[in-house]
């Protein structure tokens, strides 16, 4: 089983990959419409919004939480 390098999501089925392309090492949620991987800032914004909406966090806490999680992932190691 592969894990998304940009968000950590387990990719267990072909539908988890962008355009069903299992050669990608990131998931469909981390892909732009053209199939390329989102930037760090795009992913940070997505994850922050998700935490505010689905976990009832305020924006500052959500952004801090998203940053801590993203820092641990292979796609963003160069950022730190």
N, C-alpha and C. Protein backbone atom coordinates (compact mmCIF):
# COMPACT_ATOMS: atom_id res chain seq x y z
N UNK A 1 0.85 -1.18 0.00
CA UNK A 1 0.00 0.00 0.00
C UNK A 1 0.90 1.25 0.00
N UNK A 2 0.59 2.16 -0.87
CA UNK A 2 1.30 3.43 -0.92
C UNK A 2 0.62 4.44 -0.02
N UNK A 3 1.43 5.38 0.45
CA UNK A 3 0.92 6.52 1.21
C UNK A 3 1.23 7.77 0.40
N UNK A 4 0.32 8.70 0.37
CA UNK A 4 0.53 9.96 -0.34
C UNK A 4 1.69 10.72 0.31
N UNK A 5 2.64 11.16 -0.51
CA UNK A 5 3.79 11.88 0.02
C UNK A 5 3.45 13.30 0.45
N UNK A 6 2.29 13.80 0.03
CA UNK A 6 1.92 15.18 0.30
C UNK A 6 0.92 15.35 1.44
N UNK A 7 0.12 14.30 1.73
CA UNK A 7 -0.86 14.43 2.83
C UNK A 7 -0.88 13.22 3.76
N UNK A 8 -0.25 12.12 3.34
CA UNK A 8 -0.19 10.93 4.18
C UNK A 8 -1.36 9.97 4.02
N UNK A 9 -2.28 10.27 3.13
CA UNK A 9 -3.45 9.40 2.94
C UNK A 9 -3.02 8.04 2.39
N UNK A 10 -3.55 6.95 2.96
CA UNK A 10 -3.29 5.63 2.36
C UNK A 10 -3.99 5.56 1.00
N UNK A 11 -3.28 5.08 0.01
CA UNK A 11 -3.86 4.94 -1.33
C UNK A 11 -4.04 3.44 -1.57
N UNK A 12 -5.24 2.96 -1.28
CA UNK A 12 -5.51 1.53 -1.29
C UNK A 12 -6.25 1.06 -2.54
N UNK A 13 -6.80 1.99 -3.30
CA UNK A 13 -7.51 1.61 -4.53
C UNK A 13 -7.15 2.56 -5.65
N UNK A 14 -7.34 2.13 -6.85
CA UNK A 14 -6.94 2.92 -8.01
C UNK A 14 -7.63 4.28 -8.05
N UNK A 15 -8.83 4.36 -7.51
CA UNK A 15 -9.57 5.62 -7.49
C UNK A 15 -8.92 6.67 -6.58
N UNK A 16 -7.99 6.26 -5.73
CA UNK A 16 -7.29 7.20 -4.84
C UNK A 16 -6.21 7.99 -5.57
N UNK A 17 -5.83 7.54 -6.75
CA UNK A 17 -4.75 8.17 -7.51
C UNK A 17 -5.28 9.22 -8.48
N UNK A 18 -4.50 10.26 -8.75
CA UNK A 18 -4.95 11.26 -9.74
C UNK A 18 -5.05 10.63 -11.12
N UNK A 19 -6.18 10.79 -11.76
CA UNK A 19 -6.45 10.22 -13.09
C UNK A 19 -6.21 8.72 -13.13
N UNK A 20 -6.39 8.05 -12.01
CA UNK A 20 -6.21 6.60 -11.89
C UNK A 20 -4.81 6.15 -12.28
N UNK A 21 -3.84 7.03 -12.13
CA UNK A 21 -2.45 6.77 -12.50
C UNK A 21 -1.68 6.29 -11.28
N UNK A 22 -1.51 4.97 -11.17
CA UNK A 22 -0.87 4.40 -9.99
C UNK A 22 0.64 4.65 -9.94
N UNK A 23 1.19 5.26 -10.97
CA UNK A 23 2.61 5.60 -10.93
C UNK A 23 2.86 6.87 -10.11
N UNK A 24 1.81 7.61 -9.82
CA UNK A 24 1.94 8.84 -9.01
C UNK A 24 2.16 8.47 -7.56
N UNK A 25 2.92 9.27 -6.84
CA UNK A 25 3.15 9.00 -5.43
C UNK A 25 2.36 9.97 -4.53
N UNK A 26 1.37 10.62 -5.11
CA UNK A 26 0.47 11.49 -4.35
C UNK A 26 -0.96 11.16 -4.74
N UNK A 27 -1.89 11.50 -3.86
CA UNK A 27 -3.30 11.13 -4.05
C UNK A 27 -4.06 12.15 -4.90
N UNK A 28 -5.28 11.79 -5.21
CA UNK A 28 -6.13 12.66 -6.03
C UNK A 28 -6.45 13.98 -5.34
N UNK A 29 -6.41 14.01 -4.02
CA UNK A 29 -6.70 15.24 -3.29
C UNK A 29 -5.51 16.21 -3.30
N UNK A 30 -4.35 15.69 -3.61
CA UNK A 30 -3.14 16.52 -3.66
C UNK A 30 -2.76 16.87 -5.10
N UNK A 31 -3.62 16.53 -6.04
CA UNK A 31 -3.36 16.80 -7.45
C UNK A 31 -4.18 17.99 -7.94
N UNK A 32 -3.58 18.76 -8.81
CA UNK A 32 -4.30 19.84 -9.50
C UNK A 32 -5.10 19.22 -10.63
N UNK A 33 -5.92 20.01 -11.28
CA UNK A 33 -6.76 19.48 -12.37
C UNK A 33 -5.93 18.94 -13.53
N UNK A 34 -4.70 19.43 -13.69
CA UNK A 34 -3.86 18.92 -14.78
C UNK A 34 -3.05 17.68 -14.37
N UNK A 35 -3.24 17.22 -13.13
CA UNK A 35 -2.57 16.01 -12.66
C UNK A 35 -1.28 16.25 -11.91
N UNK A 36 -0.75 17.46 -11.95
CA UNK A 36 0.47 17.75 -11.21
C UNK A 36 0.13 17.93 -9.73
N UNK A 37 1.15 17.80 -8.90
CA UNK A 37 0.94 17.92 -7.45
C UNK A 37 0.76 19.38 -7.05
N UNK A 38 -0.14 19.59 -6.10
CA UNK A 38 -0.36 20.94 -5.57
C UNK A 38 0.91 21.42 -4.87
N UNK A 39 1.05 22.72 -4.76
CA UNK A 39 2.18 23.30 -4.03
C UNK A 39 1.93 23.18 -2.53
N UNK A 40 2.97 23.44 -1.77
CA UNK A 40 2.83 23.41 -0.31
C UNK A 40 1.75 24.38 0.15
N UNK A 41 1.77 25.60 -0.38
CA UNK A 41 0.79 26.60 0.04
C UNK A 41 -0.64 26.20 -0.32
N UNK A 42 -0.82 25.58 -1.47
CA UNK A 42 -2.15 25.10 -1.85
C UNK A 42 -2.61 23.99 -0.91
N UNK A 43 -1.71 23.06 -0.60
CA UNK A 43 -2.06 21.95 0.29
C UNK A 43 -2.32 22.45 1.71
N UNK A 44 -1.51 23.40 2.16
CA UNK A 44 -1.72 23.98 3.49
C UNK A 44 -3.09 24.65 3.57
N UNK A 45 -3.46 25.39 2.55
CA UNK A 45 -4.77 26.05 2.53
C UNK A 45 -5.90 25.02 2.53
N UNK A 46 -5.75 23.96 1.72
CA UNK A 46 -6.78 22.89 1.67
C UNK A 46 -6.95 22.23 3.03
N UNK A 47 -5.85 21.85 3.63
CA UNK A 47 -5.90 21.14 4.91
C UNK A 47 -6.42 22.04 6.02
N UNK A 48 -6.01 23.29 6.02
CA UNK A 48 -6.50 24.24 7.02
C UNK A 48 -8.01 24.38 6.91
N UNK A 49 -8.50 24.54 5.70
CA UNK A 49 -9.95 24.66 5.48
C UNK A 49 -10.68 23.40 5.94
N UNK A 50 -10.12 22.25 5.62
CA UNK A 50 -10.74 20.98 6.03
C UNK A 50 -10.86 20.89 7.55
N UNK A 51 -9.81 21.27 8.27
CA UNK A 51 -9.85 21.23 9.73
C UNK A 51 -10.87 22.22 10.29
N UNK A 52 -10.97 23.40 9.69
CA UNK A 52 -11.95 24.37 10.21
C UNK A 52 -13.38 23.87 9.96
N UNK A 53 -13.60 23.22 8.83
CA UNK A 53 -14.95 22.77 8.49
C UNK A 53 -15.36 21.49 9.19
N UNK A 54 -14.46 20.50 9.22
CA UNK A 54 -14.84 19.18 9.70
C UNK A 54 -14.47 18.89 11.14
N UNK A 55 -13.59 19.70 11.71
CA UNK A 55 -13.16 19.46 13.08
C UNK A 55 -13.45 20.65 14.00
N UNK A 56 -14.18 21.60 13.48
CA UNK A 56 -14.61 22.77 14.25
C UNK A 56 -13.45 23.51 14.94
N UNK A 57 -12.32 23.59 14.25
CA UNK A 57 -11.17 24.33 14.79
C UNK A 57 -11.23 25.77 14.31
N UNK A 58 -10.70 26.67 15.12
CA UNK A 58 -10.59 28.03 14.61
C UNK A 58 -9.43 28.07 13.61
N UNK A 59 -9.38 29.09 12.79
CA UNK A 59 -8.43 29.14 11.68
C UNK A 59 -6.98 29.02 12.14
N UNK A 60 -6.59 29.75 13.17
CA UNK A 60 -5.19 29.74 13.63
C UNK A 60 -4.76 28.36 14.10
N UNK A 61 -5.61 27.69 14.87
CA UNK A 61 -5.30 26.35 15.35
C UNK A 61 -5.27 25.37 14.19
N UNK A 62 -6.20 25.50 13.27
CA UNK A 62 -6.24 24.61 12.10
C UNK A 62 -4.98 24.76 11.25
N UNK A 63 -4.54 25.99 11.04
CA UNK A 63 -3.34 26.22 10.23
C UNK A 63 -2.10 25.67 10.93
N UNK A 64 -2.01 25.86 12.23
CA UNK A 64 -0.88 25.34 12.98
C UNK A 64 -0.87 23.81 12.94
N UNK A 65 -2.02 23.19 13.11
CA UNK A 65 -2.13 21.74 13.05
C UNK A 65 -1.74 21.22 11.68
N UNK A 66 -2.24 21.85 10.64
CA UNK A 66 -1.91 21.44 9.26
C UNK A 66 -0.41 21.56 9.01
N UNK A 67 0.19 22.62 9.49
CA UNK A 67 1.63 22.82 9.29
C UNK A 67 2.43 21.72 9.97
N UNK A 68 2.07 21.38 11.20
CA UNK A 68 2.77 20.32 11.94
C UNK A 68 2.69 19.00 11.17
N UNK A 69 1.52 18.68 10.66
CA UNK A 69 1.33 17.43 9.93
C UNK A 69 2.11 17.44 8.62
N UNK A 70 2.00 18.51 7.86
CA UNK A 70 2.67 18.57 6.56
C UNK A 70 4.19 18.53 6.71
N UNK A 71 4.73 19.09 7.75
CA UNK A 71 6.18 19.10 7.98
C UNK A 71 6.76 17.70 8.06
N UNK A 72 5.95 16.74 8.44
CA UNK A 72 6.42 15.36 8.62
C UNK A 72 6.41 14.54 7.33
N UNK A 73 5.86 15.08 6.27
CA UNK A 73 5.67 14.31 5.04
C UNK A 73 6.80 14.52 4.03
N UNK A 74 7.13 13.47 3.28
CA UNK A 74 8.26 13.54 2.35
C UNK A 74 8.21 14.66 1.32
N UNK A 75 7.06 15.00 0.84
CA UNK A 75 6.96 16.02 -0.21
C UNK A 75 7.42 17.40 0.27
N UNK A 76 7.35 17.63 1.56
CA UNK A 76 7.62 18.99 2.08
C UNK A 76 8.88 19.06 2.93
N UNK A 77 9.65 18.01 3.00
CA UNK A 77 10.88 18.03 3.82
C UNK A 77 11.81 19.17 3.44
N UNK A 78 11.85 19.51 2.16
CA UNK A 78 12.74 20.58 1.69
C UNK A 78 12.32 21.95 2.23
N UNK A 79 11.11 22.06 2.71
CA UNK A 79 10.61 23.34 3.24
C UNK A 79 11.21 23.67 4.61
N UNK A 80 11.74 22.66 5.29
CA UNK A 80 12.20 22.86 6.67
C UNK A 80 13.64 22.52 6.73
